[in-house]
Amino acid sequence: MRILAIVLALVIALLQWPLWVGKGSWLRVWQLDQELADKKAGNDKLRERNGALSAEVQDLKTGTDAIEERARNELGMIRKDEVFFQILDRSKPVAPSTLPAPLSASTPAAR
């Protein structure tokens, strides 16, 4: 009788082995659930980004405000009747090539 109990316990353990360690084990199911949750979160972020890009494309197609804003920010354009002021940061050094050349006595403008 004792041998029968040991054999039955061994059979039950062998039947349980795939449930705990095999291809469709609980651990693998838990890992896949975690991956799925991560992918869903990533998809939600991408959906928000796509919505923002879609709204921007629609605004560029229909309105002139977005085009004007891009022209001002990216290209530095101004309107015809506007005055442009540029404020330089004193903490940043100015490259010598951007400074005007000093007038010397040999130039025609200094005479």
PDB file of N, CA and C in Angstrom:
ATOM      1  N   MET A   1       0.805  -1.183   0.000  1.00  0.00           N
ATOM      2  CA  MET A   1       0.000   0.000   0.000  1.00  0.00           C
ATOM      3  C   MET A   1       0.860   1.263   0.000  1.00  0.00           C
ATOM      4  N   ARG A   2       1.970   1.207   0.702  1.00  0.00           N
ATOM      5  CA  ARG A   2       2.863   2.350   0.774  1.00  0.00           C
ATOM      6  C   ARG A   2       3.468   2.635  -0.602  1.00  0.00           C
ATOM      7  N   ILE A   3       3.813   1.594  -1.338  1.00  0.00           N
ATOM      8  CA  ILE A   3       4.381   1.764  -2.680  1.00  0.00           C
ATOM      9  C   ILE A   3       3.342   2.378  -3.611  1.00  0.00           C
ATOM     10  N   LEU A   4       2.096   1.980  -3.471  1.00  0.00           N
ATOM     11  CA  LEU A   4       1.032   2.540  -4.295  1.00  0.00           C
ATOM     12  C   LEU A   4       0.857   4.036  -4.027  1.00  0.00           C
ATOM     13  N   ALA A   5       0.958   4.438  -2.791  1.00  0.00           N
ATOM     14  CA  ALA A   5       0.840   5.856  -2.436  1.00  0.00           C
ATOM     15  C   ALA A   5       1.996   6.654  -3.036  1.00  0.00           C
ATOM     16  N   ILE A   6       3.183   6.100  -2.971  1.00  0.00           N
ATOM     17  CA  ILE A   6       4.361   6.782  -3.545  1.00  0.00           C
ATOM     18  C   ILE A   6       4.230   6.884  -5.057  1.00  0.00           C
ATOM     19  N   VAL A   7       3.778   5.837  -5.708  1.00  0.00           N
ATOM     20  CA  VAL A   7       3.599   5.849  -7.165  1.00  0.00           C
ATOM     21  C   VAL A   7       2.536   6.877  -7.551  1.00  0.00           C
ATOM     22  N   LEU A   8       1.416   6.909  -6.830  1.00  0.00           N
ATOM     23  CA  LEU A   8       0.365   7.889  -7.135  1.00  0.00           C
ATOM     24  C   LEU A   8       0.847   9.325  -6.912  1.00  0.00           C
ATOM     25  N   ALA A   9       1.613   9.546  -5.861  1.00  0.00           N
ATOM     26  CA  ALA A   9       2.172  10.881  -5.611  1.00  0.00           C
ATOM     27  C   ALA A   9       3.132  11.273  -6.733  1.00  0.00           C
ATOM     28  N   LEU A  10       3.918  10.330  -7.190  1.00  0.00           N
ATOM     29  CA  LEU A  10       4.845  10.586  -8.291  1.00  0.00           C
ATOM     30  C   LEU A  10       4.096  10.891  -9.582  1.00  0.00           C
ATOM     31  N   VAL A  11       3.010  10.169  -9.858  1.00  0.00           N
ATOM     32  CA  VAL A  11       2.195  10.412 -11.058  1.00  0.00           C
ATOM     33  C   VAL A  11       1.553  11.795 -10.987  1.00  0.00           C
ATOM     34  N   ILE A  12       1.054  12.152  -9.820  1.00  0.00           N
ATOM     35  CA  ILE A  12       0.443  13.480  -9.655  1.00  0.00           C
ATOM     36  C   ILE A  12       1.487  14.572  -9.862  1.00  0.00           C
ATOM     37  N   ALA A  13       2.692  14.367  -9.318  1.00  0.00           N
ATOM     38  CA  ALA A  13       3.765  15.349  -9.500  1.00  0.00           C
ATOM     39  C   ALA A  13       4.140  15.469 -10.977  1.00  0.00           C
ATOM     40  N   LEU A  14       4.207  14.359 -11.691  1.00  0.00           N
ATOM     41  CA  LEU A  14       4.538  14.411 -13.115  1.00  0.00           C
ATOM     42  C   LEU A  14       3.434  15.093 -13.923  1.00  0.00           C
ATOM     43  N   LEU A  15       2.185  14.912 -13.514  1.00  0.00           N
ATOM     44  CA  LEU A  15       1.082  15.589 -14.201  1.00  0.00           C
ATOM     45  C   LEU A  15       1.070  17.095 -13.916  1.00  0.00           C
ATOM     46  N   GLN A  16       1.546  17.478 -12.741  1.00  0.00           N
ATOM     47  CA  GLN A  16       1.580  18.890 -12.360  1.00  0.00           C
ATOM     48  C   GLN A  16       2.787  19.635 -12.953  1.00  0.00           C
ATOM     49  N   TRP A  17       3.797  18.910 -13.337  1.00  0.00           N
ATOM     50  CA  TRP A  17       5.041  19.515 -13.825  1.00  0.00           C
ATOM     51  C   TRP A  17       4.806  20.532 -14.954  1.00  0.00           C
ATOM     52  N   PRO A  18       4.050  20.236 -16.016  1.00  0.00           N
ATOM     53  CA  PRO A  18       3.837  21.230 -17.070  1.00  0.00           C
ATOM     54  C   PRO A  18       3.077  22.468 -16.584  1.00  0.00           C
ATOM     55  N   LEU A  19       2.223  22.305 -15.597  1.00  0.00           N
ATOM     56  CA  LEU A  19       1.467  23.435 -15.072  1.00  0.00           C
ATOM     57  C   LEU A  19       2.382  24.463 -14.409  1.00  0.00           C
ATOM     58  N   TRP A  20       3.428  24.006 -13.746  1.00  0.00           N
ATOM     59  CA  TRP A  20       4.300  24.909 -13.011  1.00  0.00           C
ATOM     60  C   TRP A  20       5.551  25.305 -13.781  1.00  0.00           C
ATOM     61  N   VAL A  21       6.073  24.438 -14.631  1.00  0.00           N
ATOM     62  CA  VAL A  21       7.366  24.687 -15.260  1.00  0.00           C
ATOM     63  C   VAL A  21       7.289  24.687 -16.788  1.00  0.00           C
ATOM     64  N   GLY A  22       6.321  24.060 -17.385  1.00  0.00           N
ATOM     65  CA  GLY A  22       6.285  23.849 -18.832  1.00  0.00           C
ATOM     66  C   GLY A  22       5.992  25.098 -19.648  1.00  0.00           C
ATOM     67  N   LYS A  23       5.667  24.876 -20.900  1.00  0.00           N
ATOM     68  CA  LYS A  23       5.461  25.952 -21.868  1.00  0.00           C
ATOM     69  C   LYS A  23       4.297  26.860 -21.498  1.00  0.00           C
ATOM     70  N   GLY A  24       3.221  26.304 -20.970  1.00  0.00           N
ATOM     71  CA  GLY A  24       2.058  27.090 -20.582  1.00  0.00           C
ATOM     72  C   GLY A  24       1.944  27.253 -19.086  1.00  0.00           C
ATOM     73  N   SER A  25       3.071  27.402 -18.406  1.00  0.00           N
ATOM     74  CA  SER A  25       3.076  27.450 -16.943  1.00  0.00           C
ATOM     75  C   SER A  25       2.500  28.771 -16.428  1.00  0.00           C
ATOM     76  N   TRP A  26       2.210  28.787 -15.133  1.00  0.00           N
ATOM     77  CA  TRP A  26       1.677  29.993 -14.513  1.00  0.00           C
ATOM     78  C   TRP A  26       2.675  31.132 -14.586  1.00  0.00           C
ATOM     79  N   LEU A  27       3.939  30.846 -14.445  1.00  0.00           N
ATOM     80  CA  LEU A  27       4.964  31.876 -14.520  1.00  0.00           C
ATOM     81  C   LEU A  27       4.983  32.523 -15.904  1.00  0.00           C
ATOM     82  N   ARG A  28       4.903  31.703 -16.927  1.00  0.00           N
ATOM     83  CA  ARG A  28       4.906  32.226 -18.302  1.00  0.00           C
ATOM     84  C   ARG A  28       3.652  33.058 -18.573  1.00  0.00           C
ATOM     85  N   VAL A  29       2.515  32.614 -18.055  1.00  0.00           N
ATOM     86  CA  VAL A  29       1.274  33.376 -18.224  1.00  0.00           C
ATOM     87  C   VAL A  29       1.394  34.728 -17.530  1.00  0.00           C
ATOM     88  N   TRP A  30       1.984  34.752 -16.345  1.00  0.00           N
ATOM     89  CA  TRP A  30       2.171  36.006 -15.624  1.00  0.00           C
ATOM     90  C   TRP A  30       3.100  36.948 -16.396  1.00  0.00           C
ATOM     91  N   GLN A  31       4.189  36.407 -16.952  1.00  0.00           N
ATOM     92  CA  GLN A  31       5.107  37.224 -17.746  1.00  0.00           C
ATOM     93  C   GLN A  31       4.411  37.803 -18.969  1.00  0.00           C
ATOM     94  N   LEU A  32       3.610  36.999 -19.640  1.00  0.00           N
ATOM     95  CA  LEU A  32       2.898  37.481 -20.823  1.00  0.00           C
ATOM     96  C   LEU A  32       1.870  38.553 -20.458  1.00  0.00           C
ATOM     97  N   ASP A  33       1.228  38.421 -19.299  1.00  0.00           N
ATOM     98  CA  ASP A  33       0.306  39.456 -18.843  1.00  0.00           C
ATOM     99  C   ASP A  33       1.035  40.778 -18.595  1.00  0.00           C
ATOM    100  N   GLN A  34       2.219  40.690 -18.014  1.00  0.00           N
ATOM    101  CA  GLN A  34       3.014  41.897 -17.785  1.00  0.00           C
ATOM    102  C   GLN A  34       3.424  42.547 -19.104  1.00  0.00           C
ATOM    103  N   GLU A  35       3.870  41.749 -20.059  1.00  0.00           N
ATOM    104  CA  GLU A  35       4.243  42.267 -21.374  1.00  0.00           C
ATOM    105  C   GLU A  35       3.053  42.910 -22.069  1.00  0.00           C
ATOM    106  N   LEU A  36       1.895  42.290 -21.954  1.00  0.00           N
ATOM    107  CA  LEU A  36       0.686  42.823 -22.561  1.00  0.00           C
ATOM    108  C   LEU A  36       0.319  44.173 -21.955  1.00  0.00           C
ATOM    109  N   ALA A  37       0.426  44.291 -20.639  1.00  0.00           N
ATOM    110  CA  ALA A  37       0.129  45.562 -19.977  1.00  0.00           C
ATOM    111  C   ALA A  37       1.111  46.648 -20.426  1.00  0.00           C
ATOM    112  N   ASP A  38       2.387  46.285 -20.560  1.00  0.00           N
ATOM    113  CA  ASP A  38       3.384  47.250 -21.031  1.00  0.00           C
ATOM    114  C   ASP A  38       3.097  47.694 -22.463  1.00  0.00           C
ATOM    115  N   LYS A  39       2.738  46.759 -23.317  1.00  0.00           N
ATOM    116  CA  LYS A  39       2.435  47.091 -24.715  1.00  0.00           C
ATOM    117  C   LYS A  39       1.202  47.987 -24.809  1.00  0.00           C
ATOM    118  N   LYS A  40       0.193  47.712 -23.973  1.00  0.00           N
ATOM    119  CA  LYS A  40      -1.011  48.543 -23.985  1.00  0.00           C
ATOM    120  C   LYS A  40      -0.689  49.967 -23.549  1.00  0.00           C
ATOM    121  N   ALA A  41       0.159  50.105 -22.535  1.00  0.00           N
ATOM    122  CA  ALA A  41       0.557  51.442 -22.080  1.00  0.00           C
ATOM    123  C   ALA A  41       1.323  52.170 -23.186  1.00  0.00           C
ATOM    124  N   GLY A  42       2.216  51.460 -23.861  1.00  0.00           N
ATOM    125  CA  GLY A  42       2.947  52.065 -24.977  1.00  0.00           C
ATOM    126  C   GLY A  42       2.017  52.462 -26.112  1.00  0.00           C
ATOM    127  N   ASN A  43       1.026  51.636 -26.402  1.00  0.00           N
ATOM    128  CA  ASN A  43       0.060  51.953 -27.454  1.00  0.00           C
ATOM    129  C   ASN A  43      -0.767  53.186 -27.098  1.00  0.00           C
ATOM    130  N   ASP A  44      -1.119  53.333 -25.822  1.00  0.00           N
ATOM    131  CA  ASP A  44      -1.878  54.509 -25.397  1.00  0.00           C
ATOM    132  C   ASP A  44      -1.065  55.784 -25.603  1.00  0.00           C
ATOM    133  N   LYS A  45       0.218  55.736 -25.264  1.00  0.00           N
ATOM    134  CA  LYS A  45       1.088  56.898 -25.485  1.00  0.00           C
ATOM    135  C   LYS A  45       1.188  57.224 -26.970  1.00  0.00           C
ATOM    136  N   LEU A  46       1.338  56.201 -27.797  1.00  0.00           N
ATOM    137  CA  LEU A  46       1.442  56.425 -29.236  1.00  0.00           C
ATOM    138  C   LEU A  46       0.131  56.951 -29.816  1.00  0.00           C
ATOM    139  N   ARG A  47      -1.009  56.497 -29.268  1.00  0.00           N
ATOM    140  CA  ARG A  47      -2.298  57.025 -29.723  1.00  0.00           C
ATOM    141  C   ARG A  47      -2.416  58.516 -29.423  1.00  0.00           C
ATOM    142  N   GLU A  48      -1.970  58.927 -28.233  1.00  0.00           N
ATOM    143  CA  GLU A  48      -1.995  60.346 -27.875  1.00  0.00           C
ATOM    144  C   GLU A  48      -1.097  61.145 -28.805  1.00  0.00           C
ATOM    145  N   ARG A  49       0.084  60.618 -29.086  1.00  0.00           N
ATOM    146  CA  ARG A  49       1.023  61.308 -29.988  1.00  0.00           C
ATOM    147  C   ARG A  49       0.442  61.422 -31.394  1.00  0.00           C
ATOM    148  N   ASN A  50      -0.165  60.330 -31.863  1.00  0.00           N
ATOM    149  CA  ASN A  50      -0.775  60.353 -33.195  1.00  0.00           C
ATOM    150  C   ASN A  50      -1.925  61.348 -33.257  1.00  0.00           C
ATOM    151  N   GLY A  51      -2.709  61.430 -32.185  1.00  0.00           N
ATOM    152  CA  GLY A  51      -3.799  62.402 -32.145  1.00  0.00           C
ATOM    153  C   GLY A  51      -3.285  63.827 -32.214  1.00  0.00           C
ATOM    154  N   ALA A  52      -2.197  64.111 -31.489  1.00  0.00           N
ATOM    155  CA  ALA A  52      -1.615  65.447 -31.522  1.00  0.00           C
ATOM    156  C   ALA A  52      -1.063  65.760 -32.910  1.00  0.00           C
ATOM    157  N   LEU A  53      -0.387  64.788 -33.518  1.00  0.00           N
ATOM    158  CA  LEU A  53       0.140  65.011 -34.868  1.00  0.00           C
ATOM    159  C   LEU A  53      -0.971  65.184 -35.887  1.00  0.00           C
ATOM    160  N   SER A  54      -2.040  64.434 -35.737  1.00  0.00           N
ATOM    161  CA  SER A  54      -3.180  64.554 -36.638  1.00  0.00           C
ATOM    162  C   SER A  54      -3.822  65.932 -36.514  1.00  0.00           C
ATOM    163  N   ALA A  55      -3.958  66.417 -35.285  1.00  0.00           N
ATOM    164  CA  ALA A  55      -4.519  67.754 -35.082  1.00  0.00           C
ATOM    165  C   ALA A  55      -3.617  68.820 -35.686  1.00  0.00           C
ATOM    166  N   GLU A  56      -2.305  68.642 -35.558  1.00  0.00           N
ATOM    167  CA  GLU A  56      -1.370  69.611 -36.126  1.00  0.00           C
ATOM    168  C   GLU A  56      -1.441  69.607 -37.658  1.00  0.00           C
ATOM    169  N   VAL A  57      -1.541  68.423 -38.249  1.00  0.00           N
ATOM    170  CA  VAL A  57      -1.660  68.322 -39.710  1.00  0.00           C
ATOM    171  C   VAL A  57      -2.942  68.991 -40.173  1.00  0.00           C
ATOM    172  N   GLN A  58      -4.039  68.746 -39.467  1.00  0.00           N
ATOM    173  CA  GLN A  58      -5.315  69.355 -39.822  1.00  0.00           C
ATOM    174  C   GLN A  58      -5.232  70.873 -39.709  1.00  0.00           C
ATOM    175  N   ASP A  59      -4.567  71.364 -38.667  1.00  0.00           N
ATOM    176  CA  ASP A  59      -4.411  72.802 -38.490  1.00  0.00           C
ATOM    177  C   ASP A  59      -3.558  73.400 -39.595  1.00  0.00           C
ATOM    178  N   LEU A  60      -2.511  72.682 -40.014  1.00  0.00           N
ATOM    179  CA  LEU A  60      -1.669  73.175 -41.107  1.00  0.00           C
ATOM    180  C   LEU A  60      -2.426  73.197 -42.433  1.00  0.00           C
ATOM    181  N   LYS A  61      -3.336  72.240 -42.616  1.00  0.00           N
ATOM    182  CA  LYS A  61      -4.088  72.188 -43.867  1.00  0.00           C
ATOM    183  C   LYS A  61      -5.150  73.278 -43.944  1.00  0.00           C
ATOM    184  N   THR A  62      -5.775  73.603 -42.826  1.00  0.00           N
ATOM    185  CA  THR A  62      -6.915  74.513 -42.871  1.00  0.00           C
ATOM    186  C   THR A  62      -6.590  75.932 -42.443  1.00  0.00           C
ATOM    187  N   GLY A  63      -5.733  76.126 -41.467  1.00  0.00           N
ATOM    188  CA  GLY A  63      -5.509  77.464 -40.936  1.00  0.00           C
ATOM    189  C   GLY A  63      -4.152  78.014 -41.295  1.00  0.00           C
ATOM    190  N   THR A  64      -4.031  79.324 -41.174  1.00  0.00           N
ATOM    191  CA  THR A  64      -2.759  79.981 -41.447  1.00  0.00           C
ATOM    192  C   THR A  64      -1.988  80.277 -40.164  1.00  0.00           C
ATOM    193  N   ASP A  65      -2.641  80.160 -39.016  1.00  0.00           N
ATOM    194  CA  ASP A  65      -1.969  80.458 -37.748  1.00  0.00           C
ATOM    195  C   ASP A  65      -0.804  79.510 -37.490  1.00  0.00           C
ATOM    196  N   ALA A  66      -0.994  78.240 -37.749  1.00  0.00           N
ATOM    197  CA  ALA A  66       0.084  77.269 -37.508  1.00  0.00           C
ATOM    198  C   ALA A  66       1.243  77.494 -38.472  1.00  0.00           C
ATOM    199  N   ILE A  67       0.938  77.845 -39.701  1.00  0.00           N
ATOM    200  CA  ILE A  67       1.992  78.117 -40.687  1.00  0.00           C
ATOM    201  C   ILE A  67       2.787  79.342 -40.265  1.00  0.00           C
ATOM    202  N   GLU A  68       2.081  80.375 -39.812  1.00  0.00           N
ATOM    203  CA  GLU A  68       2.752  81.598 -39.364  1.00  0.00           C
ATOM    204  C   GLU A  68       3.621  81.319 -38.137  1.00  0.00           C
ATOM    205  N   GLU A  69       3.120  80.532 -37.211  1.00  0.00           N
ATOM    206  CA  GLU A  69       3.883  80.195 -36.011  1.00  0.00           C
ATOM    207  C   GLU A  69       5.157  79.440 -36.364  1.00  0.00           C
ATOM    208  N   ARG A  70       5.052  78.477 -37.268  1.00  0.00           N
ATOM    209  CA  ARG A  70       6.256  77.741 -37.693  1.00  0.00           C
ATOM    210  C   ARG A  70       7.242  78.658 -38.408  1.00  0.00           C
ATOM    211  N   ALA A  71       6.743  79.543 -39.250  1.00  0.00           N
ATOM    212  CA  ALA A  71       7.628  80.460 -39.961  1.00  0.00           C
ATOM    213  C   ALA A  71       8.366  81.360 -38.974  1.00  0.00           C
ATOM    214  N   ARG A  72       7.691  81.805 -37.944  1.00  0.00           N
ATOM    215  CA  ARG A  72       8.335  82.662 -36.945  1.00  0.00           C
ATOM    216  C   ARG A  72       9.367  81.887 -36.119  1.00  0.00           C
ATOM    217  N   ASN A  73       8.984  80.722 -35.622  1.00  0.00           N
ATOM    218  CA  ASN A  73       9.865  79.980 -34.713  1.00  0.00           C
ATOM    219  C   ASN A  73      11.013  79.276 -35.417  1.00  0.00           C
ATOM    220  N   GLU A  74      10.739  78.646 -36.530  1.00  0.00           N
ATOM    221  CA  GLU A  74      11.759  77.823 -37.177  1.00  0.00           C
ATOM    222  C   GLU A  74      12.576  78.588 -38.211  1.00  0.00           C
ATOM    223  N   LEU A  75      11.962  79.545 -38.876  1.00  0.00           N
ATOM    224  CA  LEU A  75      12.667  80.262 -39.940  1.00  0.00           C
ATOM    225  C   LEU A  75      13.059  81.680 -39.555  1.00  0.00           C
ATOM    226  N   GLY A  76      12.530  82.187 -38.427  1.00  0.00           N
ATOM    227  CA  GLY A  76      12.869  83.529 -37.978  1.00  0.00           C
ATOM    228  C   GLY A  76      12.240  84.620 -38.832  1.00  0.00           C
ATOM    229  N   MET A  77      11.129  84.339 -39.453  1.00  0.00           N
ATOM    230  CA  MET A  77      10.481  85.319 -40.329  1.00  0.00           C
ATOM    231  C   MET A  77       9.649  86.299 -39.501  1.00  0.00           C
ATOM    232  N   ILE A  78       9.497  87.512 -40.026  1.00  0.00           N
ATOM    233  CA  ILE A  78       8.652  88.516 -39.394  1.00  0.00           C
ATOM    234  C   ILE A  78       7.750  89.124 -40.460  1.00  0.00           C
ATOM    235  N   ARG A  79       6.683  89.781 -40.013  1.00  0.00           N
ATOM    236  CA  ARG A  79       5.780  90.434 -40.961  1.00  0.00           C
ATOM    237  C   ARG A  79       6.397  91.714 -41.487  1.00  0.00           C
ATOM    238  N   LYS A  80       5.776  92.265 -42.497  1.00  0.00           N
ATOM    239  CA  LYS A  80       6.303  93.448 -43.163  1.00  0.00           C
ATOM    240  C   LYS A  80       6.322  94.666 -42.234  1.00  0.00           C
ATOM    241  N   ASP A  81       5.306  94.850 -41.418  1.00  0.00           N
ATOM    242  CA  ASP A  81       5.215  96.045 -40.587  1.00  0.00           C
ATOM    243  C   ASP A  81       5.762  95.845 -39.175  1.00  0.00           C
ATOM    244  N   GLU A  82       6.400  94.736 -38.901  1.00  0.00           N
ATOM    245  CA  GLU A  82       6.901  94.463 -37.564  1.00  0.00           C
ATOM    246  C   GLU A  82       8.365  94.879 -37.430  1.00  0.00           C
ATOM    247  N   VAL A  83       8.774  95.072 -36.176  1.00  0.00           N
ATOM    248  CA  VAL A  83      10.165  95.379 -35.858  1.00  0.00           C
ATOM    249  C   VAL A  83      10.713  94.204 -35.051  1.00  0.00           C
ATOM    250  N   PHE A  84      11.889  93.756 -35.406  1.00  0.00           N
ATOM    251  CA  PHE A  84      12.491  92.594 -34.748  1.00  0.00           C
ATOM    252  C   PHE A  84      13.560  93.069 -33.781  1.00  0.00           C
ATOM    253  N   PHE A  85      13.449  92.638 -32.516  1.00  0.00           N
ATOM    254  CA  PHE A  85      14.454  92.921 -31.498  1.00  0.00           C
ATOM    255  C   PHE A  85      15.071  91.605 -31.078  1.00  0.00           C
ATOM    256  N   GLN A  86      16.406  91.572 -31.008  1.00  0.00           N
ATOM    257  CA  GLN A  86      17.098  90.375 -30.549  1.00  0.00           C
ATOM    258  C   GLN A  86      17.852  90.730 -29.282  1.00  0.00           C
ATOM    259  N   ILE A  87      17.569  90.007 -28.213  1.00  0.00           N
ATOM    260  CA  ILE A  87      18.209  90.259 -26.937  1.00  0.00           C
ATOM    261  C   ILE A  87      19.258  89.175 -26.722  1.00  0.00           C
ATOM    262  N   LEU A  88      20.502  89.598 -26.582  1.00  0.00           N
ATOM    263  CA  LEU A  88      21.601  88.658 -26.405  1.00  0.00           C
ATOM    264  C   LEU A  88      21.823  88.387 -24.934  1.00  0.00           C
ATOM    265  N   ASP A  89      22.171  87.178 -24.609  1.00  0.00           N
ATOM    266  CA  ASP A  89      22.463  86.780 -23.244  1.00  0.00           C
ATOM    267  C   ASP A  89      23.918  87.133 -22.955  1.00  0.00           C
ATOM    268  N   ARG A  90      24.159  87.943 -21.935  1.00  0.00           N
ATOM    269  CA  ARG A  90      25.523  88.391 -21.633  1.00  0.00           C
ATOM    270  C   ARG A  90      26.398  87.268 -21.093  1.00  0.00           C
ATOM    271  N   SER A  91      25.799  86.224 -20.554  1.00  0.00           N
ATOM    272  CA  SER A  91      26.602  85.143 -19.989  1.00  0.00           C
ATOM    273  C   SER A  91      27.207  84.257 -21.073  1.00  0.00           C
ATOM    274  N   LYS A  92      26.654  84.306 -22.273  1.00  0.00           N
ATOM    275  CA  LYS A  92      27.195  83.504 -23.371  1.00  0.00           C
ATOM    276  C   LYS A  92      28.147  84.368 -24.202  1.00  0.00           C
ATOM    277  N   PRO A  93      29.340  83.872 -24.501  1.00  0.00           N
ATOM    278  CA  PRO A  93      30.261  84.653 -25.331  1.00  0.00           C
ATOM    279  C   PRO A  93      29.780  84.695 -26.775  1.00  0.00           C
ATOM    280  N   VAL A  94      30.022  85.824 -27.414  1.00  0.00           N
ATOM    281  CA  VAL A  94      29.644  86.005 -28.815  1.00  0.00           C
ATOM    282  C   VAL A  94      30.830  85.621 -29.676  1.00  0.00           C
ATOM    283  N   ALA A  95      30.568  84.851 -30.714  1.00  0.00           N
ATOM    284  CA  ALA A  95      31.641  84.426 -31.617  1.00  0.00           C
ATOM    285  C   ALA A  95      32.195  85.646 -32.353  1.00  0.00           C
ATOM    286  N   PRO A  96      33.513  85.702 -32.565  1.00  0.00           N
ATOM    287  CA  PRO A  96      34.115  86.864 -33.227  1.00  0.00           C
ATOM    288  C   PRO A  96      33.590  87.086 -34.645  1.00  0.00           C
ATOM    289  N   SER A  97      33.171  86.059 -35.326  1.00  0.00           N
ATOM    290  CA  SER A  97      32.700  86.237 -36.704  1.00  0.00           C
ATOM    291  C   SER A  97      31.364  86.979 -36.757  1.00  0.00           C
ATOM    292  N   THR A  98      30.632  87.034 -35.645  1.00  0.00           N
ATOM    293  CA  THR A  98      29.342  87.716 -35.644  1.00  0.00           C
ATOM    294  C   THR A  98      29.462  89.172 -35.226  1.00  0.00           C
ATOM    295  N   LEU A  99      30.632  89.565 -34.679  1.00  0.00           N
ATOM    296  CA  LEU A  99      30.834  90.951 -34.280  1.00  0.00           C
ATOM    297  C   LEU A  99      31.214  91.790 -35.496  1.00  0.00           C
ATOM    298  N   PRO A 100      30.774  93.055 -35.540  1.00  0.00           N
ATOM    299  CA  PRO A 100      31.188  93.912 -36.656  1.00  0.00           C
ATOM    300  C   PRO A 100      32.678  94.248 -36.545  1.00  0.00           C
ATOM    301  N   ALA A 101      33.312  94.379 -37.681  1.00  0.00           N
ATOM    302  CA  ALA A 101      34.738  94.700 -37.707  1.00  0.00           C
ATOM    303  C   ALA A 101      34.940  96.138 -37.256  1.00  0.00           C
ATOM    304  N   PRO A 102      35.953  96.408 -36.420  1.00  0.00           N
ATOM    305  CA  PRO A 102      36.205  97.796 -35.965  1.00  0.00           C
ATOM    306  C   PRO A 102      36.719  98.644 -37.126  1.00  0.00           C
ATOM    307  N   LEU A 103      36.344  99.898 -37.118  1.00  0.00           N
ATOM    308  CA  LEU A 103      36.791 100.810 -38.160  1.00  0.00           C
ATOM    309  C   LEU A 103      38.211 101.275 -37.843  1.00  0.00           C
ATOM    310  N   SER A 104      39.065 101.195 -38.823  1.00  0.00           N
ATOM    311  CA  SER A 104      40.444 101.648 -38.618  1.00  0.00           C
ATOM    312  C   SER A 104      40.688 102.884 -39.475  1.00  0.00           C
ATOM    313  N   ALA A 105      41.801 103.487 -39.299  1.00  0.00           N
ATOM    314  CA  ALA A 105      42.129 104.724 -40.046  1.00  0.00           C
ATOM    315  C   ALA A 105      42.323 104.448 -41.516  1.00  0.00           C
ATOM    316  N   SER A 106      42.590 103.219 -41.925  1.00  0.00           N
ATOM    317  CA  SER A 106      42.858 102.939 -43.320  1.00  0.00           C
ATOM    318  C   SER A 106      41.576 102.708 -44.116  1.00  0.00           C
ATOM    319  N   THR A 107      40.442 102.568 -43.458  1.00  0.00           N
ATOM    320  CA  THR A 107      39.201 102.350 -44.195  1.00  0.00           C
ATOM    321  C   THR A 107      38.638 103.681 -44.645  1.00  0.00           C
ATOM    322  N   PRO A 108      37.943 103.697 -45.767  1.00  0.00           N
ATOM    323  CA  PRO A 108      37.394 104.964 -46.281  1.00  0.00           C
ATOM    324  C   PRO A 108      36.308 105.540 -45.372  1.00  0.00           C
ATOM    325  N   ALA A 109      35.597 104.716 -44.628  1.00  0.00           N
ATOM    326  CA  ALA A 109      34.527 105.235 -43.799  1.00  0.00           C
ATOM    327  C   ALA A 109      35.068 105.991 -42.598  1.00  0.00           C
ATOM    328  N   ALA A 110      36.288 105.688 -42.146  1.00  0.00           N
ATOM    329  CA  ALA A 110      36.856 106.330 -40.963  1.00  0.00           C
ATOM    330  C   ALA A 110      37.488 107.652 -41.307  1.00  0.00           C
ATOM    331  N   ARG A 111      37.758 107.967 -42.501  1.00  0.00           N
ATOM    332  CA  ARG A 111      38.433 109.231 -42.888  1.00  0.00           C
ATOM    333  C   ARG A 111      37.552 110.396 -42.837  1.00  0.00           C
TER     334      ARG A 111
END
